[in-house]
Amino acid sequence: MAARAYWQGQIRLALVSIPVEIYSATRSGSAVQFRQIHEPTGQPIHYEKVATGVGPVDLDDIMKGYEISKGEYVLLDQDEIDAVKLESKKTLELTQFVDASDIDVLYYEKPYFVVPADDLAEEAFIVLREALRRTKKVGLGQLAMRGREYVVSLKPCGRGLVLETLRYADEVHKAQGYFRDIPDDKPDPELLDLAEALIDRKTGPFDPSEFHDRYVDALKGLIEKKRKAKGRKIIEDKEDGEPRKGSNVVDLMAALRKSMGDKPATARATPDKPATKKAPARKAPAKKAPAKKRA
């Protein structure tokens, strides 16, 4: 394998040890790199290692120090740090197994591919892979890499295994502090039906190749415009209007219907109220004829 192993050691499950190698499963995306430039001369800015009261120093004279009190440090050589004894530097012991759904997505950090280190390790590696697959469990343990110890998960991935570093509990903010002010209301059933229909319409298999970093493309376009403008300042046109924050139910209903391709209703039909019958006019009582006088 051409890539260089990120970590080499063994996975241990009870009395079974499996020699493995770990490789990074991701790489940094394309990005536009900027340098700081001294505008009057056009020269790049450099950074020097300097000590207070001394000035620039030789790189060979730099050590790592931990501040134990104001201005007082314990100095350590890299060799001393590397020599710290920790079993997880060479062994990933699987100490617990859980359902994948038990691990909140907030804890996942970075994935790595895990492969057997040699032919002799393949049989035990395959047994572990298939046991995890059949039980639908994720293995948990701790592993020391590059200057720190991680909590890690292990699960099947195709013919191999994927190890994912996890964040510790104190590295994850509690969601309640951010969500507590959001009302726990039930949505309007018709709005919910429209939203579900829109999701169904746009549902499909995940294809990561359909997405790319459009911001990088926009920056490259700006750089090319700037080059052709020979230094003239270029400000992209701003959007005409700011998106409205919040909307009422009528606006949301119209937006969902428009998203579904429905024609906006000009006026929602309301059931006609039955005409109320007018009460017949009451007849005035007939006037009595005046009584005739007797002779």
Protein backbone atom coordinates (compact mmCIF):
# COMPACT_ATOMS: atom_id res chain seq x y z
CA MET A 1 0.00 0.00 0.00
CA ALA A 2 1.48 3.33 -1.11
CA ALA A 3 0.06 5.45 1.70
CA ARG A 4 1.95 5.67 4.98
CA ALA A 5 0.27 4.13 8.01
CA TYR A 6 -0.97 6.71 10.51
CA TRP A 7 -0.70 4.17 13.36
CA GLN A 8 0.60 0.62 13.70
CA GLY A 9 -0.24 -1.73 16.55
CA GLN A 10 -2.77 -4.35 17.50
CA ILE A 11 -6.45 -4.68 18.30
CA ARG A 12 -7.01 -6.81 21.36
CA LEU A 13 -10.25 -8.58 22.18
CA ALA A 14 -9.84 -10.57 25.42
CA LEU A 15 -6.92 -12.92 24.66
CA VAL A 16 -6.98 -12.36 20.87
CA SER A 17 -4.53 -9.83 19.39
CA ILE A 18 -4.77 -8.72 15.76
CA PRO A 19 -1.87 -6.74 14.23
CA VAL A 20 -3.33 -3.86 12.20
CA GLU A 21 -2.42 -0.65 10.43
CA ILE A 22 -4.53 2.51 10.43
CA TYR A 23 -4.73 4.96 7.53
CA SER A 24 -6.46 8.32 7.33
CA ALA A 25 -9.80 7.95 5.51
CA THR A 26 -10.10 11.63 4.60
CA ARG A 27 -8.01 14.44 3.20
CA SER A 28 -8.22 18.20 3.26
CA GLY A 29 -10.42 19.71 0.57
CA SER A 30 -9.19 22.21 -1.99
CA ALA A 31 -8.84 25.69 -0.57
CA VAL A 32 -7.55 29.04 -1.72
CA GLN A 33 -4.39 29.79 0.27
CA PHE A 34 -3.59 33.43 1.04
CA ARG A 35 -0.26 34.90 2.17
CA GLN A 36 0.12 38.09 4.15
CA ILE A 37 1.84 40.68 1.93
CA HIS A 38 3.56 43.98 2.75
CA GLU A 39 1.57 46.23 0.39
CA PRO A 40 4.16 48.98 -0.23
CA THR A 41 6.83 46.50 -1.41
CA GLY A 42 4.74 43.49 -2.42
CA GLN A 43 6.96 41.22 -0.30
CA PRO A 44 5.53 38.31 1.76
CA ILE A 45 5.46 38.56 5.53
CA HIS A 46 7.62 36.04 7.44
CA TYR A 47 7.41 34.97 11.05
CA GLU A 48 10.45 34.50 13.24
CA LYS A 49 10.80 32.61 16.50
CA VAL A 50 11.71 35.25 19.09
CA ALA A 51 12.25 35.17 22.84
CA THR A 52 11.29 38.06 25.09
CA GLY A 53 14.33 40.22 25.72
CA VAL A 54 16.50 38.09 23.42
CA GLY A 55 15.10 38.46 19.90
CA PRO A 56 15.36 35.79 17.16
CA VAL A 57 16.50 32.36 18.42
CA ASP A 58 17.89 29.18 16.89
CA LEU A 59 15.32 26.42 16.35
CA ASP A 60 17.65 23.92 18.04
CA ASP A 61 17.39 25.93 21.28
CA ILE A 62 13.60 25.60 21.47
CA MET A 63 12.06 23.13 23.93
CA LYS A 64 8.53 22.41 25.06
CA GLY A 65 7.55 23.91 28.38
CA TYR A 66 4.55 23.58 30.67
CA GLU A 67 3.76 26.61 32.84
CA ILE A 68 3.32 25.55 36.46
CA SER A 69 3.16 29.10 37.82
CA LYS A 70 3.43 32.61 36.43
CA GLY A 71 6.66 32.68 34.38
CA GLU A 72 7.89 29.28 35.65
CA TYR A 73 8.01 26.34 33.25
CA VAL A 74 8.91 22.66 33.33
CA LEU A 75 10.99 21.97 30.19
CA LEU A 76 10.64 18.68 28.31
CA ASP A 77 12.56 17.14 25.40
CA GLN A 78 10.50 15.49 22.67
CA ASP A 79 12.28 12.21 23.49
CA GLU A 80 10.96 12.40 27.05
CA ILE A 81 7.43 12.96 25.80
CA ASP A 82 7.68 10.09 23.30
CA ALA A 83 8.91 7.76 26.05
CA VAL A 84 5.75 8.17 28.17
CA LYS A 85 4.49 4.63 28.76
CA LEU A 86 0.89 4.13 27.72
CA GLU A 87 -0.41 0.75 26.59
CA SER A 88 -2.84 2.36 24.14
CA LYS A 89 0.11 3.70 22.13
CA LYS A 90 0.49 0.22 20.63
CA THR A 91 -2.69 -1.62 21.61
CA LEU A 92 -6.36 -0.83 21.04
CA GLU A 93 -8.24 -2.92 23.58
CA LEU A 94 -11.95 -3.26 22.85
CA THR A 95 -13.52 -2.85 26.28
CA GLN A 96 -17.18 -2.31 25.39
CA PHE A 97 -19.69 -2.91 22.59
CA VAL A 98 -22.74 -0.74 21.92
CA ASP A 99 -25.40 -0.14 19.28
CA ALA A 100 -24.27 2.44 16.74
CA SER A 101 -27.44 4.45 17.45
CA ASP A 102 -26.32 4.84 21.09
CA ILE A 103 -23.49 7.18 20.05
CA ASP A 104 -24.68 10.72 19.42
CA VAL A 105 -23.45 12.14 16.12
CA LEU A 106 -21.86 15.05 18.04
CA TYR A 107 -19.19 12.72 19.42
CA TYR A 108 -17.81 11.53 16.06
CA GLU A 109 -14.65 13.33 15.00
CA LYS A 110 -12.50 11.71 12.26
CA PRO A 111 -12.53 8.35 10.41
CA TYR A 112 -9.62 6.01 9.66
CA PHE A 113 -9.37 2.82 7.62
CA VAL A 114 -8.17 -0.26 9.52
CA VAL A 115 -6.51 -3.15 7.66
CA PRO A 116 -4.67 -6.31 8.79
CA ALA A 117 -0.93 -5.74 9.09
CA ASP A 118 -0.01 -9.03 7.36
CA ASP A 119 -1.43 -12.27 5.98
CA LEU A 120 -1.25 -13.99 9.37
CA ALA A 121 -3.58 -11.38 10.86
CA GLU A 122 -6.26 -11.74 8.19
CA GLU A 123 -8.21 -14.66 9.68
CA ALA A 124 -8.70 -13.03 13.09
CA PHE A 125 -9.40 -9.68 11.42
CA ILE A 126 -12.18 -11.19 9.28
CA VAL A 127 -13.70 -12.97 12.29
CA LEU A 128 -13.85 -9.68 14.22
CA ARG A 129 -15.31 -7.83 11.24
CA GLU A 130 -18.07 -10.37 10.65
CA ALA A 131 -18.87 -10.69 14.37
CA LEU A 132 -19.40 -6.92 14.55
CA ARG A 133 -21.52 -7.05 11.40
CA ARG A 134 -23.74 -9.90 12.60
CA THR A 135 -24.28 -8.46 16.05
CA LYS A 136 -24.72 -4.94 14.61
CA LYS A 137 -22.49 -3.60 17.36
CA VAL A 138 -19.73 -1.01 17.51
CA GLY A 139 -16.55 -1.71 19.48
CA LEU A 140 -15.19 0.96 21.85
CA GLY A 141 -11.70 1.45 23.24
CA GLN A 142 -8.93 4.00 23.69
CA LEU A 143 -5.99 4.66 21.42
CA ALA A 144 -3.00 7.00 21.74
CA MET A 145 -1.95 8.79 18.54
CA ARG A 146 0.11 11.89 17.82
CA GLY A 147 0.36 13.25 21.33
CA ARG A 148 -3.04 12.42 22.83
CA GLU A 149 -5.28 9.50 23.74
CA TYR A 150 -8.62 9.16 21.97
CA VAL A 151 -11.82 7.29 22.63
CA VAL A 152 -12.45 5.37 19.41
CA SER A 153 -15.19 3.29 17.83
CA LEU A 154 -14.68 0.35 15.49
CA LYS A 155 -17.19 -0.94 12.96
CA PRO A 156 -17.28 -2.91 9.66
CA CYS A 157 -16.79 -1.12 6.36
CA GLY A 158 -16.83 -3.26 3.23
CA ARG A 159 -13.97 -5.77 3.52
CA GLY A 160 -12.27 -3.78 6.26
CA LEU A 161 -12.98 -1.84 9.41
CA VAL A 162 -13.43 1.86 10.09
CA LEU A 163 -12.08 3.41 13.27
CA GLU A 164 -13.54 6.78 14.28
CA THR A 165 -12.08 9.02 16.94
CA LEU A 166 -14.69 10.30 19.38
CA ARG A 167 -14.81 13.44 21.47
CA TYR A 168 -14.75 13.16 25.25
CA ALA A 169 -17.88 14.13 27.19
CA ASP A 170 -16.37 17.42 28.37
CA GLU A 171 -15.65 18.43 24.75
CA VAL A 172 -19.32 18.40 23.71
CA HIS A 173 -21.73 21.18 24.64
CA LYS A 174 -25.07 20.16 26.09
CA ALA A 175 -27.80 20.73 23.53
CA GLN A 176 -30.37 21.82 26.11
CA GLY A 177 -28.66 25.14 26.60
CA TYR A 178 -29.20 26.00 22.93
CA PHE A 179 -32.61 24.40 22.34
CA ARG A 180 -34.48 25.29 25.53
CA ASP A 181 -36.13 28.42 24.09
CA ILE A 182 -37.51 26.57 21.04
CA PRO A 183 -41.21 25.88 21.67
CA ASP A 184 -42.35 22.26 21.80
CA ASP A 185 -45.43 22.95 19.69
CA LYS A 186 -47.16 20.52 17.34
CA PRO A 187 -47.14 21.77 13.73
CA ASP A 188 -50.22 22.25 11.61
CA PRO A 189 -51.06 18.83 10.07
CA GLU A 190 -51.45 20.27 6.55
CA LEU A 191 -48.10 22.05 6.75
CA LEU A 192 -46.50 18.85 8.01
CA ASP A 193 -47.99 16.84 5.12
CA LEU A 194 -46.64 19.34 2.58
CA ALA A 195 -43.18 19.28 4.17
CA GLU A 196 -43.13 15.46 4.15
CA ALA A 197 -44.22 15.40 0.51
CA LEU A 198 -41.43 17.82 -0.40
CA ILE A 199 -38.86 15.64 1.43
CA ASP A 200 -40.16 12.52 -0.36
CA ARG A 201 -39.86 14.28 -3.72
CA LYS A 202 -36.21 15.18 -3.06
CA THR A 203 -35.20 11.87 -1.49
CA GLY A 204 -32.51 9.84 -3.26
CA PRO A 205 -29.26 7.93 -2.70
CA PHE A 206 -26.35 9.88 -1.22
CA ASP A 207 -23.82 10.85 -3.89
CA PRO A 208 -21.02 13.02 -2.45
CA SER A 209 -19.70 13.80 -5.93
CA GLU A 210 -22.75 16.00 -6.52
CA PHE A 211 -21.39 18.55 -4.04
CA HIS A 212 -18.33 20.75 -4.27
CA ASP A 213 -16.97 23.85 -2.56
CA ARG A 214 -18.61 26.73 -4.45
CA TYR A 215 -16.88 29.28 -2.22
CA VAL A 216 -13.50 28.15 -3.58
CA ASP A 217 -14.83 28.57 -7.14
CA ALA A 218 -16.11 32.06 -6.30
CA LEU A 219 -12.76 33.08 -4.79
CA LYS A 220 -10.85 31.80 -7.83
CA GLY A 221 -13.22 33.80 -10.04
CA LEU A 222 -12.60 36.91 -7.94
CA ILE A 223 -8.81 36.39 -8.15
CA GLU A 224 -9.01 36.14 -11.95
CA LYS A 225 -11.13 39.30 -12.16
CA LYS A 226 -8.68 41.10 -9.90
CA ARG A 227 -5.77 39.99 -12.08
CA LYS A 228 -7.41 41.34 -15.19
CA ALA A 229 -8.39 44.56 -13.40
CA LYS A 230 -4.70 45.20 -12.61
CA GLY A 231 -5.27 46.02 -8.95
CA ARG A 232 -8.58 47.87 -9.26
CA LYS A 233 -10.83 47.11 -6.32
CA ILE A 234 -13.67 44.73 -7.09
CA ILE A 235 -16.76 44.37 -4.92
CA GLU A 236 -19.24 41.73 -5.95
CA ASP A 237 -22.85 42.90 -6.25
CA LYS A 238 -24.73 42.39 -3.03
CA GLU A 239 -28.08 40.69 -2.98
CA ASP A 240 -30.99 43.06 -3.46
CA GLY A 241 -32.80 42.11 -0.31
CA GLU A 242 -32.05 40.41 2.93
CA PRO A 243 -33.97 37.21 3.59
CA ARG A 244 -36.85 37.78 5.93
CA LYS A 245 -36.44 36.38 9.38
CA GLY A 246 -39.48 34.41 10.38
CA SER A 247 -42.83 34.19 8.64
CA ASN A 248 -46.41 33.49 9.47
CA VAL A 249 -48.40 30.38 8.73
CA VAL A 250 -49.88 31.81 5.53
CA ASP A 251 -46.40 32.58 4.11
CA LEU A 252 -45.10 29.13 5.08
CA MET A 253 -48.08 27.42 3.47
CA ALA A 254 -47.62 29.40 0.26
CA ALA A 255 -43.88 28.67 0.20
CA LEU A 256 -44.40 24.94 0.68
CA ARG A 257 -47.08 24.82 -2.01
CA LYS A 258 -44.81 26.74 -4.40
CA SER A 259 -41.95 24.35 -3.63
CA MET A 260 -44.22 21.44 -4.55
CA GLY A 261 -45.10 23.17 -7.84
CA ASP A 262 -48.70 23.84 -6.89
CA LYS A 263 -50.42 26.93 -8.19
CA PRO A 264 -50.96 29.45 -5.43
CA ALA A 265 -54.53 29.65 -4.41
CA THR A 266 -55.94 33.14 -5.02
CA ALA A 267 -58.37 32.77 -2.21
CA ARG A 268 -59.12 29.82 -0.07
CA ALA A 269 -62.69 28.72 -0.48
CA THR A 270 -64.76 29.02 2.60
CA PRO A 271 -68.03 27.18 2.93
CA ASP A 272 -70.95 29.46 2.19
CA LYS A 273 -73.18 30.13 5.10
CA PRO A 274 -76.79 29.24 4.49
CA ALA A 275 -78.87 32.32 3.71
CA THR A 276 -80.89 33.37 6.65
CA LYS A 277 -84.59 33.66 5.80
CA LYS A 278 -86.17 36.94 6.66
CA ALA A 279 -89.09 36.67 8.94
CA PRO A 280 -92.31 37.66 7.15
CA ALA A 281 -93.47 41.16 7.93
CA ARG A 282 -96.14 41.19 10.53
CA LYS A 283 -99.42 42.68 9.40
CA ALA A 284 -100.69 45.58 11.37
CA PRO A 285 -103.96 44.80 13.11
CA ALA A 286 -107.06 46.08 11.22
CA LYS A 287 -108.56 49.23 12.58
CA LYS A 288 -112.06 48.86 14.00
CA ALA A 289 -114.78 50.84 12.26
CA PRO A 290 -116.23 53.61 14.44
CA ALA A 291 -119.54 52.63 16.06
CA LYS A 292 -122.72 54.07 14.41
CA LYS A 293 -124.69 56.53 16.47
CA ARG A 294 -128.24 55.54 17.30
CA ALA A 295 -131.00 57.92 16.45
